[in-house]
N, C-alpha and C. Protein backbone atom coordinates (compact mmCIF):
# COMPACT_ATOMS: atom_id res chain seq x y z
N ASP A 1 75.88 137.34 127.73
CA ASP A 1 76.21 138.34 128.85
C ASP A 1 77.71 138.36 128.99
N LYS A 2 78.23 139.49 129.75
CA LYS A 2 79.78 139.63 129.89
C LYS A 2 80.50 138.31 130.31
N GLU A 3 80.03 137.58 131.21
CA GLU A 3 80.58 136.29 131.68
C GLU A 3 80.85 135.29 130.49
N ASP A 4 80.01 135.37 129.81
CA ASP A 4 80.10 134.14 128.55
C ASP A 4 81.03 134.87 127.75
N GLU A 5 81.04 135.98 127.39
CA GLU A 5 82.12 136.68 126.46
C GLU A 5 83.49 136.69 126.89
N ASP A 6 83.59 136.56 128.24
CA ASP A 6 85.07 136.54 129.10
C ASP A 6 85.58 134.99 128.91
N MET A 7 84.77 134.04 129.00
CA MET A 7 85.09 132.60 128.78
C MET A 7 85.60 132.45 127.41
N PHE A 8 85.43 133.30 126.42
CA PHE A 8 86.20 132.82 125.09
C PHE A 8 87.32 133.78 125.00
N TYR A 9 87.64 134.69 125.69
CA TYR A 9 88.59 135.76 125.57
C TYR A 9 89.88 135.50 126.40
N GLU A 10 90.93 135.44 125.72
CA GLU A 10 92.26 135.29 126.35
C GLU A 10 93.27 136.40 126.15
N GLU A 11 93.49 136.90 127.36
CA GLU A 11 94.18 138.27 127.42
C GLU A 11 95.59 138.16 126.55
N GLY A 12 95.94 138.97 125.65
CA GLY A 12 97.17 138.91 124.98
C GLY A 12 96.93 138.04 123.63
N LEU A 13 95.99 137.54 123.36
CA LEU A 13 95.94 136.34 122.31
C LEU A 13 95.77 137.42 120.95
N ASP A 14 95.47 138.42 120.86
CA ASP A 14 95.36 139.37 119.77
C ASP A 14 96.88 139.69 119.26
N ASP A 15 97.67 139.90 120.39
CA ASP A 15 99.06 140.29 120.26
C ASP A 15 99.78 139.03 119.58
N LYS A 16 99.47 137.93 120.03
CA LYS A 16 99.91 136.66 119.56
C LYS A 16 99.95 136.36 118.15
N ASP A 17 98.26 136.59 117.86
CA ASP A 17 97.98 136.42 116.41
C ASP A 17 98.80 137.46 115.49
N GLN A 18 98.91 138.74 115.96
CA GLN A 18 99.37 139.55 115.16
C GLN A 18 101.00 139.34 114.93
N ALA A 19 101.57 138.84 115.87
CA ALA A 19 103.11 138.18 115.83
C ALA A 19 103.08 137.12 114.87
N PHE A 20 102.33 136.22 114.87
CA PHE A 20 102.00 135.04 113.97
C PHE A 20 102.03 135.65 112.49
N VAL A 21 101.18 136.50 112.28
CA VAL A 21 100.85 137.04 110.82
C VAL A 21 102.02 137.63 110.33
N ASP A 22 102.63 138.59 111.36
CA ASP A 22 103.90 139.69 110.99
C ASP A 22 105.14 138.56 110.42
N LYS A 23 105.30 137.24 111.25
CA LYS A 23 106.29 136.55 111.04
C LYS A 23 106.07 135.94 109.48
N LEU A 24 104.80 135.60 109.19
CA LEU A 24 104.47 135.03 107.94
C LEU A 24 104.75 135.99 106.70
N ARG A 25 104.43 137.25 107.21
CA ARG A 25 104.62 138.34 106.14
C ARG A 25 105.98 138.60 105.82
N GLY A 26 107.02 138.31 106.76
CA GLY A 26 108.39 138.57 106.61
C GLY A 26 108.63 139.87 106.60
N GLY A 27 107.84 140.89 107.58
CA GLY A 27 108.21 142.14 107.65
C GLY A 27 107.63 143.16 106.57
N ARG A 28 106.92 142.38 105.45
CA ARG A 28 105.98 143.13 104.55
C ARG A 28 104.69 143.61 104.95
N GLN A 29 104.45 144.77 104.52
CA GLN A 29 103.25 145.50 104.56
C GLN A 29 102.14 145.00 103.59
N SER A 30 101.03 144.71 103.97
CA SER A 30 99.63 144.32 103.07
C SER A 30 98.75 145.44 103.06
N ASP A 31 97.90 145.44 101.83
CA ASP A 31 96.97 146.45 101.82
C ASP A 31 95.68 145.80 102.30
N ALA A 32 95.55 144.33 102.13
CA ALA A 32 94.56 143.93 102.71
C ALA A 32 94.73 142.30 103.06
N VAL A 33 93.81 141.76 103.66
CA VAL A 33 93.96 140.14 103.88
C VAL A 33 92.66 139.82 103.03
N LEU A 34 92.81 138.71 102.12
CA LEU A 34 91.74 138.32 101.40
C LEU A 34 91.43 136.88 101.65
N SER A 35 90.13 136.71 101.64
CA SER A 35 89.48 135.30 102.29
C SER A 35 88.52 134.90 101.06
N CYS A 36 88.44 133.48 100.95
CA CYS A 36 87.54 133.00 99.81
C CYS A 36 85.98 133.33 100.48
N PRO A 37 85.07 133.90 99.35
CA PRO A 37 83.94 134.36 99.81
C PRO A 37 82.83 133.15 99.97
N ALA A 38 83.31 131.91 99.63
CA ALA A 38 82.55 130.79 99.72
C ALA A 38 82.73 130.27 101.06
N CYS A 39 83.92 129.96 101.69
CA CYS A 39 84.25 129.30 102.89
C CYS A 39 84.76 130.04 103.94
N PHE A 40 85.31 131.41 103.60
CA PHE A 40 86.00 132.41 104.48
C PHE A 40 87.35 131.90 104.80
N GLU A 41 87.88 130.83 104.24
CA GLU A 41 89.39 130.42 104.34
C GLU A 41 90.35 131.70 103.83
N THR A 42 91.23 131.90 104.56
CA THR A 42 92.21 132.83 104.20
C THR A 42 92.85 132.34 102.82
N VAL A 43 92.99 133.27 102.00
CA VAL A 43 93.64 133.03 100.76
C VAL A 43 95.18 133.60 100.62
N THR A 44 95.10 134.89 101.22
CA THR A 44 96.47 135.63 101.36
C THR A 44 96.57 136.67 102.48
N LEU A 45 97.67 136.84 103.08
CA LEU A 45 97.87 137.70 104.18
C LEU A 45 98.64 139.11 103.83
N ASP A 46 99.15 138.57 102.32
CA ASP A 46 99.99 139.72 101.62
C ASP A 46 99.42 140.12 100.31
N CYS A 47 98.71 141.15 100.21
CA CYS A 47 98.21 141.47 98.71
C CYS A 47 98.36 143.12 98.52
N GLN A 48 98.18 143.52 97.15
CA GLN A 48 98.45 144.83 96.84
C GLN A 48 97.25 145.33 96.25
N ARG A 49 96.89 146.52 96.37
CA ARG A 49 95.94 147.27 95.81
C ARG A 49 96.20 147.55 94.33
N HIS A 50 95.45 147.62 93.40
CA HIS A 50 95.57 148.00 92.02
C HIS A 50 95.95 149.38 92.13
N TYR A 51 96.86 149.99 91.29
CA TYR A 51 97.04 151.34 91.40
C TYR A 51 96.05 152.26 90.58
N LYS A 52 95.14 151.63 89.45
CA LYS A 52 94.31 152.54 88.87
C LYS A 52 92.87 152.06 89.38
N TRP A 53 92.44 150.84 89.50
CA TRP A 53 91.25 150.32 90.17
C TRP A 53 91.24 150.14 91.79
N GLU A 54 90.87 150.97 92.31
CA GLU A 54 91.13 150.71 93.97
C GLU A 54 90.55 149.71 94.65
N HIS A 55 89.29 148.98 93.83
CA HIS A 55 88.53 148.27 94.48
C HIS A 55 89.02 146.84 94.01
N GLN A 56 90.24 146.92 93.51
CA GLN A 56 90.85 145.44 92.90
C GLN A 56 91.98 145.18 93.66
N TYR A 57 92.48 144.00 93.98
CA TYR A 57 93.65 143.42 94.83
C TYR A 57 94.30 142.34 94.34
N ARG A 58 95.72 142.41 94.15
CA ARG A 58 96.46 140.99 93.71
C ARG A 58 96.97 140.50 94.89
N ALA A 59 96.91 139.07 94.87
CA ALA A 59 97.19 138.44 95.91
C ALA A 59 98.74 138.01 95.60
N MET A 60 99.70 138.52 96.74
CA MET A 60 101.03 138.23 96.47
C MET A 60 101.56 136.64 96.69
N PHE A 61 101.12 136.40 97.57
CA PHE A 61 101.50 135.00 98.12
C PHE A 61 100.35 134.20 98.90
N VAL A 62 99.77 133.30 98.00
CA VAL A 62 98.53 132.48 98.48
C VAL A 62 98.88 131.29 99.29
N ARG A 63 97.88 130.84 100.22
CA ARG A 63 98.01 129.59 100.86
C ARG A 63 96.53 129.20 100.90
N ASN A 64 96.37 127.83 101.12
CA ASN A 64 94.92 127.01 101.22
C ASN A 64 94.59 126.99 99.82
N VAL A 65 95.23 127.12 98.82
CA VAL A 65 94.74 127.08 97.33
C VAL A 65 95.61 125.90 96.71
N ARG A 66 94.62 125.13 95.80
CA ARG A 66 95.08 124.35 95.20
C ARG A 66 94.74 124.64 93.49
N VAL A 67 95.57 124.53 92.68
CA VAL A 67 95.30 124.58 91.18
C VAL A 67 95.13 123.35 90.54
N ASP A 68 93.92 123.26 89.85
CA ASP A 68 93.68 122.05 89.06
C ASP A 68 93.96 122.44 87.65
N THR A 69 95.19 122.02 87.46
CA THR A 69 95.69 122.05 85.94
C THR A 69 95.09 121.14 84.89
N LYS A 70 94.01 120.15 85.18
CA LYS A 70 93.30 119.45 84.20
C LYS A 70 92.16 119.97 83.88
N SER A 71 91.72 121.18 84.42
CA SER A 71 90.46 121.73 84.13
C SER A 71 90.87 123.14 83.35
N HIS A 72 89.89 123.36 82.36
CA HIS A 72 90.19 124.64 81.58
C HIS A 72 88.82 125.32 81.51
N LEU A 73 89.02 126.74 81.67
CA LEU A 73 87.80 127.56 81.65
C LEU A 73 87.80 128.04 80.43
N LYS A 74 86.41 128.00 79.86
CA LYS A 74 86.11 128.73 78.54
C LYS A 74 85.50 129.99 78.62
């Protein structure tokens, strides 16, 4: 019900969240925010859409990612 929804809502929180993301982006615009499809962890707040294939994106600055340099894909 409405009372339960209000219990988890904080006035102005969306504006604070947007200011936080804007600060992380350093004033750059982004075409999308990409998340891991398995755990929904944010991978990048700053990405570009491919100029030819509009359904593909390139992550510019990643976060919450570790590269395993000891494993090799075949």
